């Protein structure tokens, strides 16, 4: 089982590298087809440096970050003001299917609840059947809102009251 903690600014490089892996794992085929084929590891590291790694839960094993869950205020301008968002949830392959992604998600939701959010949204690709099942199993509901990413692949939106 991995240990959970809040990320800090010293985690930026390690989180950036893991975020790059996340993008390759989740969106690799679409990144390579021109959706965002200019993404670099440095871009990912800078993303975390700019935010000072706030609102990120990390999962560590032997002092190495092996997963993360980033969250905060919903970025959708049409969302209700008390809606939070799970921006990314990622666990490296060797550490999956052990309940740690669920633990990180629950911790992020606990923090959002403490910050007085009353609902949360998250998004994934319409082709990610395992991810869709995961979110449904932890209580998220499919909103049936989708928007195109590339050809026949859409981004799906899920919602949960907290």
N, C-alpha and C. Protein backbone atom coordinates (compact mmCIF):
# COMPACT_ATOMS: atom_id res chain seq x y z
N UNK A 1 0.86 -1.18 0.00
CA UNK A 1 0.00 0.00 0.00
C UNK A 1 0.90 1.24 0.00
N UNK A 2 0.53 2.21 -0.82
CA UNK A 2 1.31 3.43 -0.88
C UNK A 2 0.87 4.39 0.22
N UNK A 3 1.78 5.29 0.61
CA UNK A 3 1.48 6.32 1.60
C UNK A 3 0.96 7.56 0.88
N UNK A 4 -0.01 8.23 1.49
CA UNK A 4 -0.58 9.45 0.90
C UNK A 4 -0.13 10.67 1.68
N UNK A 5 0.06 11.77 0.96
CA UNK A 5 0.37 13.06 1.58
C UNK A 5 0.05 14.16 0.59
N UNK A 6 -0.03 15.38 1.09
CA UNK A 6 -0.16 16.53 0.20
C UNK A 6 1.19 16.80 -0.45
N UNK A 7 1.16 17.15 -1.71
CA UNK A 7 2.39 17.50 -2.42
C UNK A 7 2.91 18.84 -1.90
N UNK A 8 4.20 19.06 -2.10
CA UNK A 8 4.80 20.36 -1.78
C UNK A 8 5.65 20.81 -2.95
N UNK A 9 6.13 22.04 -2.90
CA UNK A 9 6.84 22.61 -4.05
C UNK A 9 8.08 21.82 -4.44
N UNK A 10 8.65 21.05 -3.52
CA UNK A 10 9.82 20.25 -3.83
C UNK A 10 9.48 19.03 -4.69
N UNK A 11 8.20 18.75 -4.85
CA UNK A 11 7.75 17.61 -5.64
C UNK A 11 7.57 17.95 -7.13
N UNK A 12 7.79 19.19 -7.52
CA UNK A 12 7.45 19.64 -8.88
C UNK A 12 8.10 18.79 -9.97
N UNK A 13 9.40 18.52 -9.87
CA UNK A 13 10.09 17.78 -10.93
C UNK A 13 9.55 16.34 -11.01
N UNK A 14 9.41 15.69 -9.86
CA UNK A 14 8.94 14.30 -9.87
C UNK A 14 7.49 14.23 -10.36
N UNK A 15 6.65 15.19 -9.93
CA UNK A 15 5.27 15.23 -10.40
C UNK A 15 5.19 15.54 -11.89
N UNK A 16 6.04 16.45 -12.35
CA UNK A 16 6.06 16.78 -13.78
C UNK A 16 6.40 15.57 -14.63
N UNK A 17 7.38 14.80 -14.19
CA UNK A 17 7.74 13.57 -14.92
C UNK A 17 6.59 12.57 -14.91
N UNK A 18 5.94 12.43 -13.77
CA UNK A 18 4.82 11.49 -13.67
C UNK A 18 3.62 12.00 -14.49
N UNK A 19 3.40 13.31 -14.49
CA UNK A 19 2.32 13.89 -15.28
C UNK A 19 2.56 13.64 -16.78
N UNK A 20 3.81 13.74 -17.20
CA UNK A 20 4.14 13.45 -18.60
C UNK A 20 3.79 12.00 -18.93
N UNK A 21 4.14 11.07 -18.03
CA UNK A 21 3.76 9.67 -18.23
C UNK A 21 2.25 9.52 -18.29
N UNK A 22 1.55 10.24 -17.40
CA UNK A 22 0.08 10.23 -17.38
C UNK A 22 -0.45 10.64 -18.76
N UNK A 23 0.06 11.74 -19.30
CA UNK A 23 -0.41 12.24 -20.60
C UNK A 23 -0.12 11.23 -21.70
N UNK A 24 1.05 10.62 -21.66
CA UNK A 24 1.38 9.61 -22.67
C UNK A 24 0.48 8.39 -22.53
N UNK A 25 0.23 7.97 -21.29
CA UNK A 25 -0.59 6.79 -21.03
C UNK A 25 -2.05 7.03 -21.41
N UNK A 26 -2.58 8.18 -21.01
CA UNK A 26 -4.00 8.46 -21.22
C UNK A 26 -4.30 8.97 -22.63
N UNK A 27 -3.40 9.78 -23.17
CA UNK A 27 -3.69 10.47 -24.43
C UNK A 27 -2.65 10.23 -25.51
N UNK A 28 -1.74 9.29 -25.30
CA UNK A 28 -0.61 9.08 -26.20
C UNK A 28 -0.94 9.06 -27.67
N UNK A 29 -1.90 8.24 -28.07
CA UNK A 29 -2.24 8.14 -29.49
C UNK A 29 -2.74 9.47 -30.02
N UNK A 30 -3.47 10.22 -29.20
CA UNK A 30 -4.05 11.49 -29.65
C UNK A 30 -3.01 12.60 -29.62
N UNK A 31 -2.07 12.53 -28.66
CA UNK A 31 -0.97 13.50 -28.65
C UNK A 31 -0.15 13.35 -29.92
N UNK A 32 0.08 12.11 -30.30
CA UNK A 32 0.89 11.84 -31.49
C UNK A 32 0.17 12.18 -32.78
N UNK A 33 -1.15 12.31 -32.74
CA UNK A 33 -1.91 12.63 -33.95
C UNK A 33 -2.16 14.13 -34.07
N UNK A 34 -1.44 14.92 -33.27
CA UNK A 34 -1.51 16.36 -33.43
C UNK A 34 -2.42 17.09 -32.49
N UNK A 35 -3.11 16.39 -31.58
CA UNK A 35 -3.97 17.11 -30.63
C UNK A 35 -3.11 18.02 -29.76
N UNK A 36 -2.00 17.53 -29.27
CA UNK A 36 -1.04 18.32 -28.51
C UNK A 36 0.30 17.62 -28.58
N UNK A 37 0.87 17.57 -29.76
CA UNK A 37 2.09 16.81 -29.93
C UNK A 37 3.35 17.58 -29.57
N UNK A 38 3.19 18.75 -28.94
CA UNK A 38 4.34 19.53 -28.53
C UNK A 38 4.60 19.44 -27.04
N UNK A 39 3.83 18.64 -26.31
CA UNK A 39 3.99 18.50 -24.87
C UNK A 39 5.36 17.91 -24.55
N UNK A 40 6.08 18.56 -23.63
CA UNK A 40 7.39 18.07 -23.21
C UNK A 40 7.39 17.83 -21.70
N UNK A 41 8.40 17.10 -21.25
CA UNK A 41 8.56 16.88 -19.81
C UNK A 41 8.74 18.23 -19.11
N UNK A 42 9.51 19.13 -19.72
CA UNK A 42 9.73 20.45 -19.12
C UNK A 42 8.42 21.22 -18.95
N UNK A 43 7.52 21.12 -19.94
CA UNK A 43 6.21 21.75 -19.81
C UNK A 43 5.48 21.22 -18.58
N UNK A 44 5.56 19.92 -18.40
CA UNK A 44 4.86 19.29 -17.28
C UNK A 44 5.46 19.69 -15.94
N UNK A 45 6.78 19.76 -15.88
CA UNK A 45 7.45 20.19 -14.64
C UNK A 45 7.07 21.63 -14.34
N UNK A 46 7.07 22.48 -15.36
CA UNK A 46 6.72 23.90 -15.16
C UNK A 46 5.28 24.07 -14.69
N UNK A 47 4.40 23.20 -15.14
CA UNK A 47 3.00 23.24 -14.69
C UNK A 47 2.94 23.14 -13.16
N UNK A 48 3.72 22.22 -12.59
CA UNK A 48 3.71 22.04 -11.14
C UNK A 48 4.52 23.11 -10.42
N UNK A 49 5.58 23.61 -11.04
CA UNK A 49 6.34 24.70 -10.43
C UNK A 49 5.48 25.95 -10.31
N UNK A 50 4.70 26.24 -11.35
CA UNK A 50 3.84 27.44 -11.34
C UNK A 50 2.78 27.38 -10.25
N UNK A 51 2.26 26.21 -9.99
CA UNK A 51 1.20 26.08 -8.97
C UNK A 51 1.76 25.74 -7.60
N UNK A 52 3.08 25.58 -7.51
CA UNK A 52 3.74 25.19 -6.26
C UNK A 52 3.16 23.88 -5.70
N UNK A 53 2.62 23.06 -6.59
CA UNK A 53 2.09 21.73 -6.26
C UNK A 53 0.92 21.78 -5.28
N UNK A 54 0.18 22.89 -5.27
CA UNK A 54 -0.97 22.97 -4.37
C UNK A 54 -2.10 22.11 -4.91
N UNK A 55 -2.96 21.65 -4.01
CA UNK A 55 -4.13 20.84 -4.36
C UNK A 55 -3.76 19.59 -5.13
N UNK A 56 -2.74 18.90 -4.65
CA UNK A 56 -2.32 17.63 -5.23
C UNK A 56 -2.04 16.65 -4.09
N UNK A 57 -2.70 15.50 -4.15
CA UNK A 57 -2.40 14.40 -3.25
C UNK A 57 -1.41 13.50 -3.97
N UNK A 58 -0.33 13.11 -3.31
CA UNK A 58 0.61 12.18 -3.92
C UNK A 58 0.60 10.87 -3.16
N UNK A 59 0.81 9.81 -3.90
CA UNK A 59 1.01 8.49 -3.33
C UNK A 59 2.47 8.13 -3.49
N UNK A 60 3.10 7.73 -2.39
CA UNK A 60 4.53 7.42 -2.44
C UNK A 60 4.78 5.98 -2.00
N UNK A 61 5.83 5.41 -2.55
CA UNK A 61 6.31 4.10 -2.15
C UNK A 61 7.82 4.18 -2.15
N UNK A 62 8.45 3.84 -1.03
CA UNK A 62 9.91 3.98 -0.88
C UNK A 62 10.38 5.38 -1.28
N UNK A 63 9.67 6.38 -0.80
CA UNK A 63 9.99 7.80 -1.04
C UNK A 63 9.96 8.21 -2.51
N UNK A 64 9.28 7.45 -3.34
CA UNK A 64 9.13 7.78 -4.76
C UNK A 64 7.64 8.00 -5.03
N UNK A 65 7.31 9.07 -5.75
CA UNK A 65 5.92 9.35 -6.08
C UNK A 65 5.49 8.38 -7.18
N UNK A 66 4.44 7.59 -6.89
CA UNK A 66 3.97 6.58 -7.84
C UNK A 66 2.54 6.86 -8.28
N UNK A 67 1.94 7.93 -7.77
CA UNK A 67 0.59 8.30 -8.16
C UNK A 67 0.26 9.69 -7.66
N UNK A 68 -0.75 10.30 -8.28
CA UNK A 68 -1.18 11.62 -7.82
C UNK A 68 -2.63 11.86 -8.19
N UNK A 69 -3.24 12.76 -7.45
CA UNK A 69 -4.61 13.21 -7.72
C UNK A 69 -4.61 14.72 -7.56
N UNK A 70 -4.85 15.44 -8.64
CA UNK A 70 -4.92 16.90 -8.56
C UNK A 70 -6.38 17.32 -8.64
N UNK A 71 -6.71 18.39 -7.93
CA UNK A 71 -8.10 18.78 -7.75
C UNK A 71 -8.18 20.27 -7.46
N UNK A 72 -9.40 20.80 -7.47
CA UNK A 72 -9.62 22.21 -7.13
C UNK A 72 -10.98 22.66 -7.62
N UNK A 73 -11.11 23.95 -7.78
CA UNK A 73 -12.36 24.54 -8.26
C UNK A 73 -12.60 24.09 -9.70
N UNK A 74 -13.84 23.79 -10.01
CA UNK A 74 -14.20 23.36 -11.37
C UNK A 74 -13.84 24.45 -12.37
N UNK A 75 -13.17 24.05 -13.44
CA UNK A 75 -12.73 25.01 -14.47
C UNK A 75 -13.81 25.35 -15.47
N UNK A 76 -14.90 24.60 -15.47
CA UNK A 76 -16.00 24.85 -16.40
C UNK A 76 -16.74 26.11 -15.98
N UNK A 77 -16.76 27.10 -16.84
CA UNK A 77 -17.39 28.39 -16.51
C UNK A 77 -18.90 28.28 -16.27
N UNK A 78 -19.52 27.23 -16.79
CA UNK A 78 -20.96 27.05 -16.63
C UNK A 78 -21.32 26.25 -15.38
N UNK A 79 -20.32 25.78 -14.64
CA UNK A 79 -20.59 24.97 -13.44
C UNK A 79 -21.09 25.86 -12.30
N UNK A 80 -21.83 25.24 -11.41
CA UNK A 80 -22.28 25.93 -10.20
C UNK A 80 -21.04 26.35 -9.39
N UNK A 81 -21.13 27.45 -8.64
CA UNK A 81 -19.94 27.97 -7.95
C UNK A 81 -19.35 27.03 -6.89
N UNK A 82 -20.12 26.14 -6.33
CA UNK A 82 -19.61 25.24 -5.30
C UNK A 82 -19.25 23.87 -5.86
N UNK A 83 -18.82 23.84 -7.12
CA UNK A 83 -18.44 22.58 -7.76
C UNK A 83 -16.93 22.48 -7.84
N UNK A 84 -16.40 21.38 -7.32
CA UNK A 84 -14.98 21.10 -7.42
C UNK A 84 -14.73 20.21 -8.63
N UNK A 85 -13.45 19.96 -8.89
CA UNK A 85 -13.11 19.11 -10.02
C UNK A 85 -11.89 18.25 -9.68
N UNK A 86 -11.93 17.01 -10.09
CA UNK A 86 -10.75 16.15 -10.07
C UNK A 86 -10.11 16.34 -11.44
N UNK A 87 -8.97 17.01 -11.47
CA UNK A 87 -8.33 17.31 -12.75
C UNK A 87 -7.64 16.08 -13.32
N UNK A 88 -6.85 15.40 -12.50
CA UNK A 88 -6.17 14.18 -12.93
C UNK A 88 -6.10 13.22 -11.76
N UNK A 89 -6.15 11.95 -12.08
CA UNK A 89 -5.91 10.87 -11.11
C UNK A 89 -5.09 9.84 -11.86
N UNK A 90 -3.91 9.56 -11.35
CA UNK A 90 -3.03 8.63 -12.05
C UNK A 90 -2.23 7.81 -11.05
N UNK A 91 -2.13 6.53 -11.31
CA UNK A 91 -1.30 5.62 -10.53
C UNK A 91 -0.47 4.81 -11.53
N UNK A 92 0.82 4.71 -11.29
CA UNK A 92 1.70 3.94 -12.18
C UNK A 92 1.22 2.49 -12.26
N UNK A 93 1.45 1.86 -13.40
CA UNK A 93 0.96 0.51 -13.67
C UNK A 93 1.23 -0.49 -12.53
N UNK A 94 2.44 -0.52 -12.03
CA UNK A 94 2.81 -1.51 -11.01
C UNK A 94 2.07 -1.32 -9.68
N UNK A 95 1.41 -0.20 -9.50
CA UNK A 95 0.75 0.11 -8.23
C UNK A 95 -0.77 0.18 -8.37
N UNK A 96 -1.27 -0.18 -9.54
CA UNK A 96 -2.72 -0.12 -9.78
C UNK A 96 -3.43 -1.34 -9.20
N UNK A 97 -4.75 -1.18 -9.09
CA UNK A 97 -5.66 -2.25 -8.67
C UNK A 97 -5.40 -2.70 -7.23
N UNK A 98 -4.92 -1.78 -6.40
CA UNK A 98 -4.68 -2.07 -4.99
C UNK A 98 -5.49 -1.14 -4.09
N UNK A 99 -6.36 -0.32 -4.69
CA UNK A 99 -7.20 0.59 -3.92
C UNK A 99 -6.60 1.95 -3.65
N UNK A 100 -5.37 2.18 -4.13
CA UNK A 100 -4.70 3.45 -3.81
C UNK A 100 -5.25 4.62 -4.61
N UNK A 101 -5.67 4.39 -5.85
CA UNK A 101 -6.31 5.46 -6.62
C UNK A 101 -7.60 5.89 -5.94
N UNK A 102 -8.35 4.94 -5.45
CA UNK A 102 -9.59 5.21 -4.73
C UNK A 102 -9.29 6.02 -3.45
N UNK A 103 -8.24 5.63 -2.74
CA UNK A 103 -7.86 6.36 -1.52
C UNK A 103 -7.47 7.81 -1.83
N UNK A 104 -6.69 8.01 -2.91
CA UNK A 104 -6.31 9.39 -3.28
C UNK A 104 -7.54 10.19 -3.66
N UNK A 105 -8.44 9.59 -4.42
CA UNK A 105 -9.67 10.27 -4.83
C UNK A 105 -10.50 10.65 -3.61
N UNK A 106 -10.68 9.72 -2.67
CA UNK A 106 -11.47 10.02 -1.47
C UNK A 106 -10.82 11.13 -0.63
N UNK A 107 -9.50 11.14 -0.56
CA UNK A 107 -8.82 12.20 0.19
C UNK A 107 -9.03 13.56 -0.49
N UNK A 108 -8.94 13.60 -1.81
CA UNK A 108 -9.19 14.85 -2.53
C UNK A 108 -10.63 15.32 -2.30
N UNK A 109 -11.57 14.41 -2.35
CA UNK A 109 -12.98 14.77 -2.12
C UNK A 109 -13.18 15.24 -0.69
N UNK A 110 -12.49 14.61 0.27
CA UNK A 110 -12.57 15.05 1.67
C UNK A 110 -12.11 16.51 1.81
N UNK A 111 -11.03 16.84 1.14
CA UNK A 111 -10.51 18.21 1.19
C UNK A 111 -11.49 19.18 0.50
N UNK A 112 -12.02 18.78 -0.65
CA UNK A 112 -12.99 19.64 -1.34
C UNK A 112 -14.22 19.87 -0.46
N UNK A 113 -14.68 18.84 0.24
CA UNK A 113 -15.82 18.98 1.15
C UNK A 113 -15.49 19.96 2.27
N UNK A 114 -14.30 19.84 2.83
CA UNK A 114 -13.85 20.75 3.89
C UNK A 114 -13.79 22.19 3.39
N UNK A 115 -13.51 22.36 2.11
CA UNK A 115 -13.45 23.69 1.50
C UNK A 115 -14.83 24.15 1.02
N UNK A 116 -15.87 23.41 1.42
CA UNK A 116 -17.28 23.75 1.20
C UNK A 116 -17.77 23.60 -0.24
N UNK A 117 -17.13 22.71 -0.99
CA UNK A 117 -17.69 22.32 -2.28
C UNK A 117 -18.78 21.29 -1.99
N UNK A 118 -19.86 21.30 -2.77
CA UNK A 118 -20.93 20.33 -2.53
C UNK A 118 -21.11 19.32 -3.67
N UNK A 119 -20.29 19.46 -4.71
CA UNK A 119 -20.32 18.51 -5.81
C UNK A 119 -18.95 18.53 -6.47
N UNK A 120 -18.71 17.50 -7.26
CA UNK A 120 -17.42 17.38 -7.94
C UNK A 120 -17.65 16.76 -9.32
N UNK A 121 -16.86 17.21 -10.28
CA UNK A 121 -16.88 16.63 -11.63
C UNK A 121 -15.50 16.09 -11.97
N UNK A 122 -15.47 15.20 -12.92
CA UNK A 122 -14.22 14.72 -13.47
C UNK A 122 -14.47 14.32 -14.92
N UNK A 123 -13.41 14.14 -15.67
CA UNK A 123 -13.54 13.84 -17.10
C UNK A 123 -12.59 12.72 -17.48
N UNK A 124 -12.95 12.00 -18.52
CA UNK A 124 -12.07 10.98 -19.09
C UNK A 124 -12.44 10.78 -20.55
N UNK A 125 -11.63 10.01 -21.25
CA UNK A 125 -11.93 9.72 -22.65
C UNK A 125 -13.06 8.71 -22.73
N UNK A 126 -13.88 8.83 -23.75
CA UNK A 126 -15.00 7.91 -23.94
C UNK A 126 -14.53 6.49 -24.22
N UNK A 127 -13.28 6.32 -24.61
CA UNK A 127 -12.74 4.99 -24.91
C UNK A 127 -12.13 4.30 -23.69
N UNK A 128 -12.03 5.01 -22.57
CA UNK A 128 -11.39 4.46 -21.37
C UNK A 128 -12.42 3.73 -20.50
N UNK A 129 -12.79 2.53 -20.94
CA UNK A 129 -13.85 1.78 -20.26
C UNK A 129 -13.51 1.46 -18.81
N UNK A 130 -12.25 1.13 -18.52
CA UNK A 130 -11.85 0.85 -17.15
C UNK A 130 -11.95 2.07 -16.25
N UNK A 131 -11.56 3.22 -16.78
CA UNK A 131 -11.65 4.47 -16.02
C UNK A 131 -13.12 4.82 -15.76
N UNK A 132 -13.94 4.64 -16.77
CA UNK A 132 -15.38 4.92 -16.63
C UNK A 132 -15.97 4.03 -15.54
N UNK A 133 -15.64 2.73 -15.56
CA UNK A 133 -16.13 1.82 -14.51
C UNK A 133 -15.65 2.24 -13.14
N UNK A 134 -14.38 2.67 -13.03
CA UNK A 134 -13.82 3.12 -11.76
C UNK A 134 -14.66 4.27 -11.20
N UNK A 135 -14.87 5.31 -12.01
CA UNK A 135 -15.62 6.47 -11.52
C UNK A 135 -17.06 6.10 -11.17
N UNK A 136 -17.67 5.25 -11.95
CA UNK A 136 -19.04 4.81 -11.62
C UNK A 136 -19.05 4.01 -10.32
N UNK A 137 -18.04 3.19 -10.08
CA UNK A 137 -17.97 2.38 -8.87
C UNK A 137 -17.75 3.21 -7.61
N UNK A 138 -17.19 4.41 -7.75
CA UNK A 138 -17.00 5.27 -6.57
C UNK A 138 -18.09 6.34 -6.48
N UNK A 139 -19.17 6.16 -7.24
CA UNK A 139 -20.35 7.00 -7.06
C UNK A 139 -20.54 8.14 -8.03
N UNK A 140 -19.66 8.28 -9.02
CA UNK A 140 -19.86 9.32 -10.02
C UNK A 140 -20.93 8.87 -11.00
N UNK A 141 -21.68 9.82 -11.51
CA UNK A 141 -22.73 9.55 -12.49
C UNK A 141 -22.34 10.16 -13.82
N UNK A 142 -22.60 9.43 -14.88
CA UNK A 142 -22.36 9.92 -16.23
C UNK A 142 -23.36 11.05 -16.50
N UNK A 143 -22.86 12.22 -16.89
CA UNK A 143 -23.75 13.34 -17.19
C UNK A 143 -24.26 13.26 -18.63
N UNK A 144 -23.67 12.39 -19.41
CA UNK A 144 -23.95 12.26 -20.84
C UNK A 144 -23.54 13.50 -21.62
N UNK A 145 -22.77 14.39 -20.95
CA UNK A 145 -22.15 15.51 -21.65
C UNK A 145 -20.84 15.00 -22.23
N UNK A 146 -20.64 15.24 -23.49
CA UNK A 146 -19.40 14.86 -24.15
C UNK A 146 -19.00 15.95 -25.11
N UNK A 147 -17.71 16.09 -25.30
CA UNK A 147 -17.25 17.00 -26.35
C UNK A 147 -16.08 16.34 -27.06
N UNK A 148 -15.93 16.62 -28.34
CA UNK A 148 -14.96 15.88 -29.16
C UNK A 148 -13.52 16.20 -28.81
N UNK A 149 -12.69 15.16 -28.88
CA UNK A 149 -11.25 15.32 -28.73
C UNK A 149 -10.59 15.11 -30.09
N UNK A 150 -10.90 13.96 -30.70
CA UNK A 150 -10.27 13.62 -31.97
C UNK A 150 -11.09 12.54 -32.64
N UNK A 151 -11.43 12.73 -33.89
CA UNK A 151 -12.21 11.76 -34.67
C UNK A 151 -13.38 11.20 -33.87
N UNK A 152 -13.35 9.91 -33.55
CA UNK A 152 -14.49 9.28 -32.87
C UNK A 152 -14.30 9.18 -31.36
N UNK A 153 -13.37 9.96 -30.79
CA UNK A 153 -13.10 9.92 -29.35
C UNK A 153 -13.59 11.22 -28.72
N UNK A 154 -14.38 11.07 -27.67
CA UNK A 154 -14.92 12.22 -26.95
C UNK A 154 -14.40 12.25 -25.52
N UNK A 155 -14.49 13.43 -24.92
CA UNK A 155 -14.25 13.59 -23.49
C UNK A 155 -15.61 13.44 -22.82
N UNK A 156 -15.71 12.53 -21.83
CA UNK A 156 -16.94 12.32 -21.08
C UNK A 156 -16.84 13.05 -19.74
N UNK A 157 -17.97 13.53 -19.25
CA UNK A 157 -18.03 14.26 -17.98
C UNK A 157 -18.82 13.45 -16.98
N UNK A 158 -18.30 13.33 -15.76
CA UNK A 158 -18.97 12.63 -14.67
C UNK A 158 -19.19 13.59 -13.50
N UNK A 159 -20.22 13.33 -12.69
CA UNK A 159 -20.64 14.24 -11.63
C UNK A 159 -20.93 13.43 -10.36
N UNK A 160 -20.67 14.06 -9.22
CA UNK A 160 -20.99 13.43 -7.94
C UNK A 160 -21.31 14.50 -6.90
N UNK A 161 -22.40 14.31 -6.14
CA UNK A 161 -22.67 15.15 -4.98
C UNK A 161 -21.76 14.67 -3.86
N UNK A 162 -21.22 15.62 -3.08
CA UNK A 162 -20.37 15.22 -1.94
C UNK A 162 -20.88 15.81 -0.65
